[in-house]
Every structure is written in C-alpha cells, then in structure tokens.
Amino acid sequence: MGIMRQKLLLQFLLLTFSLINSQIIKIEKKDTFKLIKKEEFKEDGLMFYKDEYNLVIYNKDNIKYNKQNGYKPQILAGGLEICDKCKKEVYYFSIKKIKDKPQKPLNFYPIRELFKKLKNYSLGGGYFFINNTYYKNLGMPIE
C-alpha cells in the first residue's frame, strides 16, 4: 500500500511540474511592473549577470484595497510586507531572458491570473512574456 501511494504521489508531482512549466504570464503595457537588470559586484568593478533580471510586479487591486481600508503595509528588505489585515501588493521574481520561444505547448495567462496562481502556490516554473521577449522564471516569488 505504501508503494502505491509513492507511485501516485510521484505521478502527481510529474504532472504538476509539466503543467507549471507550460504556463506563460503575459505582461502588457497597462500592467504595473519593473524589470531590473541584476548586478554582481566584483573586486575589479561592476559586472552584470548574463541576461538575468529582477521582475517586480505590483497588484493594483490589492494596493487599492489597502488604500481604501487605511492599511499601510510596511515593506522590509526582500519585499516582505508586514500588516495583519493587508493584502500583498508587490511580488518579486528572479527571471532570465531566453532567446527562443519555449518548446512545450504553452498557455498564455494575463497578469491577474498570476495573482490567483500565487495564492495556490502553483507557479514554480513557467515563463513571462514581456515586450515581445520570453523570460524563464527561476523559481517561486522572492519573499
């Protein structure tokens, strides 16, 4: 019985992983975001990571909700927000620019779908499509 559970769990995880990687969040000009080139400091000066960026996405609905209710989240280092009744306003991702379109069958989702998926922790991989360029998500949002 224990072996059967392990096999089912493994199949579930493989299916989930394959579905996660086929998601593309399409970020449009109307969405509020920042794309910041990653930098690495070395002894000999400033050096850039090759094609890696930090993506900052603002949830306008949650910002509006917090403002209407008088909630003021305190944002600490790394984007951690402290407030008992606040809704999360800002999400941080580490992404890498890719030259070619991903090979797998892809599903495009608007940014509002991203916020729903993040509540369920179902975006662990996947891609972003920003300004006609594909970016690979390098993990879960940075908290």
N, C-alpha and C. Protein backbone atom coordinates (compact mmCIF):
# COMPACT_ATOMS: atom_id res chain seq x y z
N MET A 1 0.82 -1.19 0.00
CA MET A 1 0.00 0.00 0.00
C MET A 1 0.87 1.26 0.00
N GLY A 2 1.96 1.25 0.74
CA GLY A 2 2.85 2.41 0.79
C GLY A 2 3.51 2.68 -0.55
N ILE A 3 3.85 1.62 -1.29
CA ILE A 3 4.48 1.78 -2.59
C ILE A 3 3.50 2.40 -3.58
N MET A 4 2.25 2.00 -3.50
CA MET A 4 1.22 2.55 -4.39
C MET A 4 1.06 4.06 -4.15
N ARG A 5 1.07 4.47 -2.89
CA ARG A 5 0.96 5.90 -2.57
C ARG A 5 2.14 6.67 -3.13
N GLN A 6 3.34 6.10 -2.99
CA GLN A 6 4.53 6.77 -3.51
C GLN A 6 4.46 6.93 -5.02
N LYS A 7 4.00 5.90 -5.72
CA LYS A 7 3.87 5.97 -7.17
C LYS A 7 2.85 7.02 -7.58
N LEU A 8 1.72 7.07 -6.88
CA LEU A 8 0.69 8.07 -7.18
C LEU A 8 1.21 9.48 -6.91
N LEU A 9 1.92 9.66 -5.81
CA LEU A 9 2.49 10.97 -5.48
C LEU A 9 3.49 11.39 -6.54
N LEU A 10 4.35 10.49 -6.97
CA LEU A 10 5.34 10.78 -8.00
C LEU A 10 4.65 11.17 -9.31
N GLN A 11 3.61 10.45 -9.70
CA GLN A 11 2.87 10.78 -10.92
C GLN A 11 2.22 12.16 -10.80
N PHE A 12 1.65 12.42 -9.64
CA PHE A 12 1.02 13.73 -9.40
C PHE A 12 2.06 14.84 -9.52
N LEU A 13 3.22 14.66 -8.91
CA LEU A 13 4.26 15.69 -8.96
C LEU A 13 4.77 15.91 -10.38
N LEU A 14 4.95 14.84 -11.14
CA LEU A 14 5.41 14.97 -12.53
C LEU A 14 4.37 15.69 -13.38
N LEU A 15 3.11 15.36 -13.21
CA LEU A 15 2.04 16.02 -13.94
C LEU A 15 1.98 17.51 -13.59
N THR A 16 2.05 17.80 -12.30
CA THR A 16 2.01 19.19 -11.85
C THR A 16 3.18 19.98 -12.41
N PHE A 17 4.39 19.38 -12.36
CA PHE A 17 5.58 20.07 -12.87
C PHE A 17 5.45 20.35 -14.36
N SER A 18 4.94 19.39 -15.13
CA SER A 18 4.80 19.60 -16.57
C SER A 18 3.78 20.69 -16.87
N LEU A 19 2.71 20.79 -16.09
CA LEU A 19 1.71 21.84 -16.30
C LEU A 19 2.24 23.20 -15.90
N ILE A 20 3.01 23.25 -14.83
CA ILE A 20 3.56 24.52 -14.36
C ILE A 20 4.47 25.12 -15.42
N ASN A 21 5.34 24.31 -16.00
CA ASN A 21 6.31 24.82 -16.97
C ASN A 21 5.67 25.22 -18.28
N SER A 22 4.42 24.89 -18.52
CA SER A 22 3.78 25.27 -19.76
C SER A 22 3.00 26.58 -19.62
N GLN A 23 3.12 27.24 -18.49
CA GLN A 23 2.39 28.50 -18.27
C GLN A 23 3.25 29.68 -18.69
N ILE A 24 2.63 30.64 -19.36
CA ILE A 24 3.30 31.89 -19.68
C ILE A 24 2.41 33.02 -19.19
N ILE A 25 2.96 33.85 -18.34
CA ILE A 25 2.24 35.04 -17.89
C ILE A 25 2.60 36.17 -18.84
N LYS A 26 1.61 36.71 -19.51
CA LYS A 26 1.82 37.80 -20.46
C LYS A 26 1.64 39.13 -19.75
N ILE A 27 2.72 39.88 -19.68
CA ILE A 27 2.69 41.19 -19.03
C ILE A 27 2.57 42.24 -20.12
N GLU A 28 1.53 43.06 -20.02
CA GLU A 28 1.25 44.07 -21.03
C GLU A 28 1.62 45.45 -20.52
N LYS A 29 1.60 46.42 -21.41
CA LYS A 29 2.00 47.79 -21.06
C LYS A 29 1.10 48.40 -19.98
N LYS A 30 -0.16 47.97 -19.93
CA LYS A 30 -1.09 48.52 -18.93
C LYS A 30 -0.79 48.00 -17.52
N ASP A 31 -0.05 46.89 -17.41
CA ASP A 31 0.30 46.32 -16.11
C ASP A 31 1.41 47.14 -15.47
N THR A 32 1.44 47.13 -14.15
CA THR A 32 2.44 47.89 -13.42
C THR A 32 3.56 46.95 -12.97
N PHE A 33 4.76 47.17 -13.52
CA PHE A 33 5.89 46.30 -13.22
C PHE A 33 7.21 47.05 -13.45
N LYS A 34 8.29 46.49 -12.93
CA LYS A 34 9.64 46.99 -13.19
C LYS A 34 10.50 45.80 -13.56
N LEU A 35 11.36 45.98 -14.53
CA LEU A 35 12.31 44.96 -14.95
C LEU A 35 13.70 45.53 -14.68
N ILE A 36 14.43 44.93 -13.74
CA ILE A 36 15.70 45.48 -13.28
C ILE A 36 16.82 44.49 -13.57
N LYS A 37 17.83 44.93 -14.31
CA LYS A 37 18.98 44.09 -14.63
C LYS A 37 19.74 43.75 -13.35
N LYS A 38 20.07 42.45 -13.16
CA LYS A 38 20.82 42.03 -11.98
C LYS A 38 22.28 42.46 -12.11
N GLU A 39 22.83 42.86 -11.00
CA GLU A 39 24.22 43.28 -10.99
C GLU A 39 25.02 42.44 -10.00
N GLU A 40 26.26 42.22 -10.32
CA GLU A 40 27.16 41.49 -9.43
C GLU A 40 28.39 42.36 -9.22
N PHE A 41 28.73 42.62 -7.97
CA PHE A 41 29.90 43.43 -7.69
C PHE A 41 31.11 42.54 -7.48
N LYS A 42 32.18 42.87 -8.16
CA LYS A 42 33.43 42.13 -8.01
C LYS A 42 34.52 43.12 -7.63
N GLU A 43 35.66 42.61 -7.28
CA GLU A 43 36.77 43.48 -6.86
C GLU A 43 37.19 44.44 -7.97
N ASP A 44 37.13 43.98 -9.21
CA ASP A 44 37.58 44.81 -10.33
C ASP A 44 36.49 45.73 -10.87
N GLY A 45 35.37 45.80 -10.20
CA GLY A 45 34.33 46.71 -10.64
C GLY A 45 32.97 46.05 -10.79
N LEU A 46 32.12 46.69 -11.54
CA LEU A 46 30.74 46.24 -11.71
C LEU A 46 30.66 45.25 -12.87
N MET A 47 29.98 44.12 -12.62
CA MET A 47 29.79 43.11 -13.65
C MET A 47 28.33 42.70 -13.66
N PHE A 48 27.77 42.46 -14.81
CA PHE A 48 26.36 42.09 -14.90
C PHE A 48 26.20 40.60 -15.06
N TYR A 49 25.14 40.05 -14.44
CA TYR A 49 24.74 38.68 -14.72
C TYR A 49 24.28 38.63 -16.17
N LYS A 50 24.55 37.56 -16.86
CA LYS A 50 24.16 37.47 -18.26
C LYS A 50 22.65 37.20 -18.38
N ASP A 51 21.94 38.17 -18.89
CA ASP A 51 20.51 38.05 -19.21
C ASP A 51 19.62 37.74 -18.00
N GLU A 52 20.04 38.06 -16.78
CA GLU A 52 19.20 37.82 -15.61
C GLU A 52 18.67 39.15 -15.09
N TYR A 53 17.40 39.10 -14.63
CA TYR A 53 16.70 40.30 -14.19
C TYR A 53 15.92 40.02 -12.92
N ASN A 54 15.59 41.07 -12.21
CA ASN A 54 14.60 41.00 -11.14
C ASN A 54 13.34 41.63 -11.70
N LEU A 55 12.23 40.93 -11.56
CA LEU A 55 10.94 41.43 -12.02
C LEU A 55 10.11 41.78 -10.80
N VAL A 56 9.64 43.02 -10.74
CA VAL A 56 8.80 43.49 -9.65
C VAL A 56 7.42 43.75 -10.24
N ILE A 57 6.40 43.06 -9.70
CA ILE A 57 5.04 43.21 -10.20
C ILE A 57 4.16 43.76 -9.08
N TYR A 58 3.40 44.79 -9.39
CA TYR A 58 2.51 45.42 -8.41
C TYR A 58 1.08 44.97 -8.67
N ASN A 59 0.39 44.55 -7.62
CA ASN A 59 -1.01 44.14 -7.72
C ASN A 59 -1.87 45.37 -7.44
N LYS A 60 -2.38 45.99 -8.51
CA LYS A 60 -3.15 47.23 -8.38
C LYS A 60 -4.41 47.06 -7.54
N ASP A 61 -5.07 45.89 -7.66
CA ASP A 61 -6.30 45.65 -6.89
C ASP A 61 -6.00 45.62 -5.38
N ASN A 62 -4.91 44.96 -5.01
CA ASN A 62 -4.56 44.90 -3.59
C ASN A 62 -4.09 46.25 -3.06
N ILE A 63 -3.41 47.02 -3.88
CA ILE A 63 -2.99 48.37 -3.48
C ILE A 63 -4.22 49.23 -3.23
N LYS A 64 -5.20 49.13 -4.14
CA LYS A 64 -6.45 49.88 -3.99
C LYS A 64 -7.20 49.45 -2.73
N TYR A 65 -7.29 48.13 -2.49
CA TYR A 65 -7.96 47.59 -1.30
C TYR A 65 -7.30 48.12 -0.02
N ASN A 66 -5.99 48.06 0.05
CA ASN A 66 -5.28 48.52 1.24
C ASN A 66 -5.49 50.01 1.47
N LYS A 67 -5.47 50.78 0.38
CA LYS A 67 -5.65 52.23 0.48
C LYS A 67 -7.06 52.58 0.96
N GLN A 68 -8.08 51.89 0.40
CA GLN A 68 -9.47 52.16 0.79
C GLN A 68 -9.73 51.84 2.25
N ASN A 69 -9.07 50.81 2.77
CA ASN A 69 -9.28 50.39 4.15
C ASN A 69 -8.29 51.00 5.13
N GLY A 70 -7.42 51.87 4.64
CA GLY A 70 -6.48 52.56 5.53
C GLY A 70 -5.33 51.68 6.01
N TYR A 71 -5.08 50.55 5.33
CA TYR A 71 -3.97 49.67 5.70
C TYR A 71 -2.69 50.17 5.05
N LYS A 72 -1.62 50.18 5.82
CA LYS A 72 -0.33 50.62 5.30
C LYS A 72 0.70 49.54 5.57
N PRO A 73 0.94 48.66 4.58
CA PRO A 73 1.94 47.62 4.81
C PRO A 73 3.33 48.22 4.92
N GLN A 74 4.11 47.65 5.82
CA GLN A 74 5.50 48.07 5.98
C GLN A 74 6.33 47.08 5.18
N ILE A 75 7.04 47.57 4.17
CA ILE A 75 7.83 46.70 3.31
C ILE A 75 9.26 46.68 3.82
N LEU A 76 9.73 45.47 4.15
CA LEU A 76 11.09 45.28 4.65
C LEU A 76 11.99 44.80 3.53
N ALA A 77 13.25 44.57 3.84
CA ALA A 77 14.21 44.08 2.85
C ALA A 77 13.70 42.79 2.23
N GLY A 78 13.88 42.64 0.93
CA GLY A 78 13.44 41.44 0.23
C GLY A 78 11.97 41.46 -0.13
N GLY A 79 11.25 42.54 0.18
CA GLY A 79 9.86 42.66 -0.21
C GLY A 79 8.86 42.10 0.78
N LEU A 80 9.30 41.67 1.95
CA LEU A 80 8.38 41.13 2.96
C LEU A 80 7.49 42.26 3.48
N GLU A 81 6.20 42.04 3.44
CA GLU A 81 5.24 43.04 3.88
C GLU A 81 4.66 42.63 5.23
N ILE A 82 4.66 43.59 6.16
CA ILE A 82 4.12 43.32 7.49
C ILE A 82 2.86 44.15 7.70
N CYS A 83 1.76 43.47 7.91
CA CYS A 83 0.48 44.09 8.20
C CYS A 83 -0.51 42.96 8.40
N ASP A 84 -1.25 42.98 9.49
CA ASP A 84 -2.15 41.87 9.80
C ASP A 84 -3.29 41.72 8.79
N LYS A 85 -3.88 42.81 8.36
CA LYS A 85 -5.07 42.74 7.51
C LYS A 85 -4.79 43.13 6.05
N CYS A 86 -3.57 43.49 5.74
CA CYS A 86 -3.22 43.93 4.38
C CYS A 86 -3.22 42.77 3.40
N LYS A 87 -3.44 43.14 2.15
CA LYS A 87 -3.26 42.19 1.05
C LYS A 87 -1.91 42.50 0.41
N LYS A 88 -1.24 41.46 -0.08
CA LYS A 88 0.10 41.61 -0.66
C LYS A 88 0.04 42.49 -1.90
N GLU A 89 0.89 43.50 -1.93
CA GLU A 89 0.88 44.48 -3.01
C GLU A 89 1.97 44.22 -4.06
N VAL A 90 3.11 43.69 -3.65
CA VAL A 90 4.27 43.59 -4.52
C VAL A 90 4.80 42.16 -4.55
N TYR A 91 5.15 41.69 -5.75
CA TYR A 91 5.75 40.36 -5.92
C TYR A 91 7.07 40.53 -6.64
N TYR A 92 8.08 39.79 -6.21
CA TYR A 92 9.42 39.84 -6.79
C TYR A 92 9.76 38.48 -7.40
N PHE A 93 10.29 38.50 -8.61
CA PHE A 93 10.71 37.27 -9.29
C PHE A 93 12.13 37.43 -9.79
N SER A 94 12.83 36.34 -9.84
CA SER A 94 14.13 36.28 -10.47
C SER A 94 13.92 35.57 -11.81
N ILE A 95 14.26 36.26 -12.91
CA ILE A 95 13.99 35.71 -14.24
C ILE A 95 15.23 35.81 -15.12
N LYS A 96 15.22 35.03 -16.20
CA LYS A 96 16.33 35.04 -17.15
C LYS A 96 15.77 35.11 -18.56
N LYS A 97 16.34 36.03 -19.36
CA LYS A 97 15.90 36.20 -20.75
C LYS A 97 16.33 34.96 -21.54
N ILE A 98 15.41 34.45 -22.36
CA ILE A 98 15.74 33.33 -23.23
C ILE A 98 15.58 33.79 -24.68
N LYS A 99 16.41 33.25 -25.55
CA LYS A 99 16.42 33.70 -26.94
C LYS A 99 15.27 33.12 -27.77
N ASP A 100 14.94 31.87 -27.52
CA ASP A 100 13.92 31.20 -28.32
C ASP A 100 12.63 31.01 -27.55
N LYS A 101 11.56 30.83 -28.27
CA LYS A 101 10.26 30.51 -27.68
C LYS A 101 10.36 29.13 -27.02
N PRO A 102 9.79 28.94 -25.83
CA PRO A 102 9.82 27.62 -25.18
C PRO A 102 9.22 26.55 -26.09
N GLN A 103 9.76 25.33 -26.00
CA GLN A 103 9.38 24.23 -26.89
C GLN A 103 8.03 23.60 -26.56
N LYS A 104 7.66 23.56 -25.29
CA LYS A 104 6.44 22.87 -24.86
C LYS A 104 5.19 23.61 -25.33
N PRO A 105 4.05 22.91 -25.38
CA PRO A 105 2.79 23.62 -25.67
C PRO A 105 2.54 24.66 -24.57
N LEU A 106 2.20 25.85 -24.96
CA LEU A 106 2.13 26.94 -24.00
C LEU A 106 0.73 27.51 -23.87
N ASN A 107 0.42 27.92 -22.65
CA ASN A 107 -0.84 28.60 -22.37
C ASN A 107 -0.51 30.00 -21.87
N PHE A 108 -1.04 31.03 -22.52
CA PHE A 108 -0.82 32.41 -22.09
C PHE A 108 -1.89 32.81 -21.08
N TYR A 109 -1.47 33.47 -20.02
CA TYR A 109 -2.38 33.95 -18.98
C TYR A 109 -2.11 35.42 -18.74
N PRO A 110 -3.16 36.20 -18.43
CA PRO A 110 -2.94 37.61 -18.06
C PRO A 110 -2.37 37.70 -16.65
N ILE A 111 -1.91 38.86 -16.30
CA ILE A 111 -1.25 39.04 -15.00
C ILE A 111 -2.20 38.79 -13.83
N ARG A 112 -3.49 39.07 -13.97
CA ARG A 112 -4.43 38.82 -12.87
C ARG A 112 -4.50 37.33 -12.53
N GLU A 113 -4.27 36.48 -13.54
CA GLU A 113 -4.24 35.04 -13.32
C GLU A 113 -3.01 34.65 -12.49
N LEU A 114 -1.93 35.40 -12.66
CA LEU A 114 -0.72 35.16 -11.86
C LEU A 114 -1.02 35.29 -10.39
N PHE A 115 -1.75 36.32 -10.00
CA PHE A 115 -2.05 36.55 -8.59
C PHE A 115 -2.91 35.42 -8.01
N LYS A 116 -3.83 34.88 -8.81
CA LYS A 116 -4.63 33.74 -8.34
C LYS A 116 -3.76 32.51 -8.15
N LYS A 117 -2.85 32.27 -9.09
CA LYS A 117 -1.98 31.10 -9.02
C LYS A 117 -1.02 31.20 -7.84
N LEU A 118 -0.56 32.40 -7.55
CA LEU A 118 0.38 32.57 -6.43
C LEU A 118 -0.29 32.26 -5.10
N LYS A 119 -1.60 32.52 -4.99
CA LYS A 119 -2.31 32.18 -3.76
C LYS A 119 -2.32 30.68 -3.53
N ASN A 120 -2.32 29.92 -4.63
CA ASN A 120 -2.35 28.45 -4.54
C ASN A 120 -0.95 27.85 -4.66
N TYR A 121 0.07 28.68 -4.73
CA TYR A 121 1.46 28.23 -4.88
C TYR A 121 1.62 27.30 -6.08
N SER A 122 0.96 27.62 -7.19
CA SER A 122 1.02 26.74 -8.35
C SER A 122 1.92 27.29 -9.46
N LEU A 123 2.71 28.30 -9.18
CA LEU A 123 3.63 28.82 -10.19
C LEU A 123 5.05 28.63 -9.68
N GLY A 124 5.66 27.52 -9.97
CA GLY A 124 7.01 27.27 -9.52
C GLY A 124 8.00 27.36 -10.65
N GLY A 125 7.53 27.23 -11.85
CA GLY A 125 8.37 27.35 -13.03
C GLY A 125 7.70 28.31 -13.96
N GLY A 126 7.67 27.98 -15.21
CA GLY A 126 6.93 28.80 -16.15
C GLY A 126 7.75 29.93 -16.73
N TYR A 127 7.04 30.78 -17.46
CA TYR A 127 7.69 31.84 -18.22
C TYR A 127 6.90 33.13 -18.09
N PHE A 128 7.57 34.23 -18.43
CA PHE A 128 6.94 35.53 -18.56
C PHE A 128 7.17 36.00 -19.98
N PHE A 129 6.19 36.70 -20.54
CA PHE A 129 6.31 37.29 -21.87
C PHE A 129 6.16 38.79 -21.69
N ILE A 130 7.27 39.51 -21.85
CA ILE A 130 7.30 40.95 -21.60
C ILE A 130 7.91 41.63 -22.81
N ASN A 131 7.20 42.60 -23.38
CA ASN A 131 7.71 43.37 -24.53
C ASN A 131 8.23 42.46 -25.64
N ASN A 132 7.45 41.46 -26.02
CA ASN A 132 7.79 40.51 -27.10
C ASN A 132 9.05 39.70 -26.83
N THR A 133 9.40 39.52 -25.57
CA THR A 133 10.57 38.73 -25.17
C THR A 133 10.15 37.71 -24.13
N TYR A 134 10.68 36.51 -24.23
CA TYR A 134 10.40 35.45 -23.27
C TYR A 134 11.45 35.45 -22.17
N TYR A 135 10.97 35.24 -20.92
CA TYR A 135 11.85 35.13 -19.76
C TYR A 135 11.46 33.87 -19.00
N LYS A 136 12.45 33.12 -18.55
CA LYS A 136 12.21 31.92 -17.74
C LYS A 136 12.19 32.33 -16.28
N ASN A 137 11.16 31.87 -15.58
CA ASN A 137 11.08 32.11 -14.14
C ASN A 137 12.09 31.19 -13.45
N LEU A 138 12.93 31.73 -12.59
CA LEU A 138 13.96 30.94 -11.94
C LEU A 138 13.53 30.38 -10.58
N GLY A 139 12.24 30.48 -10.26
CA GLY A 139 11.75 29.91 -9.01
C GLY A 139 10.50 30.61 -8.53
N MET A 140 10.13 30.33 -7.29
CA MET A 140 8.97 30.96 -6.66
C MET A 140 9.27 32.42 -6.42
N PRO A 141 8.24 33.24 -6.19
CA PRO A 141 8.49 34.65 -5.90
C PRO A 141 9.43 34.80 -4.70
N ILE A 142 10.27 35.81 -4.78
CA ILE A 142 11.19 36.09 -3.69
C ILE A 142 10.40 36.73 -2.56
N GLU A 143 10.45 36.15 -1.39
CA GLU A 143 9.72 36.68 -0.23
C GLU A 143 10.67 37.37 0.71
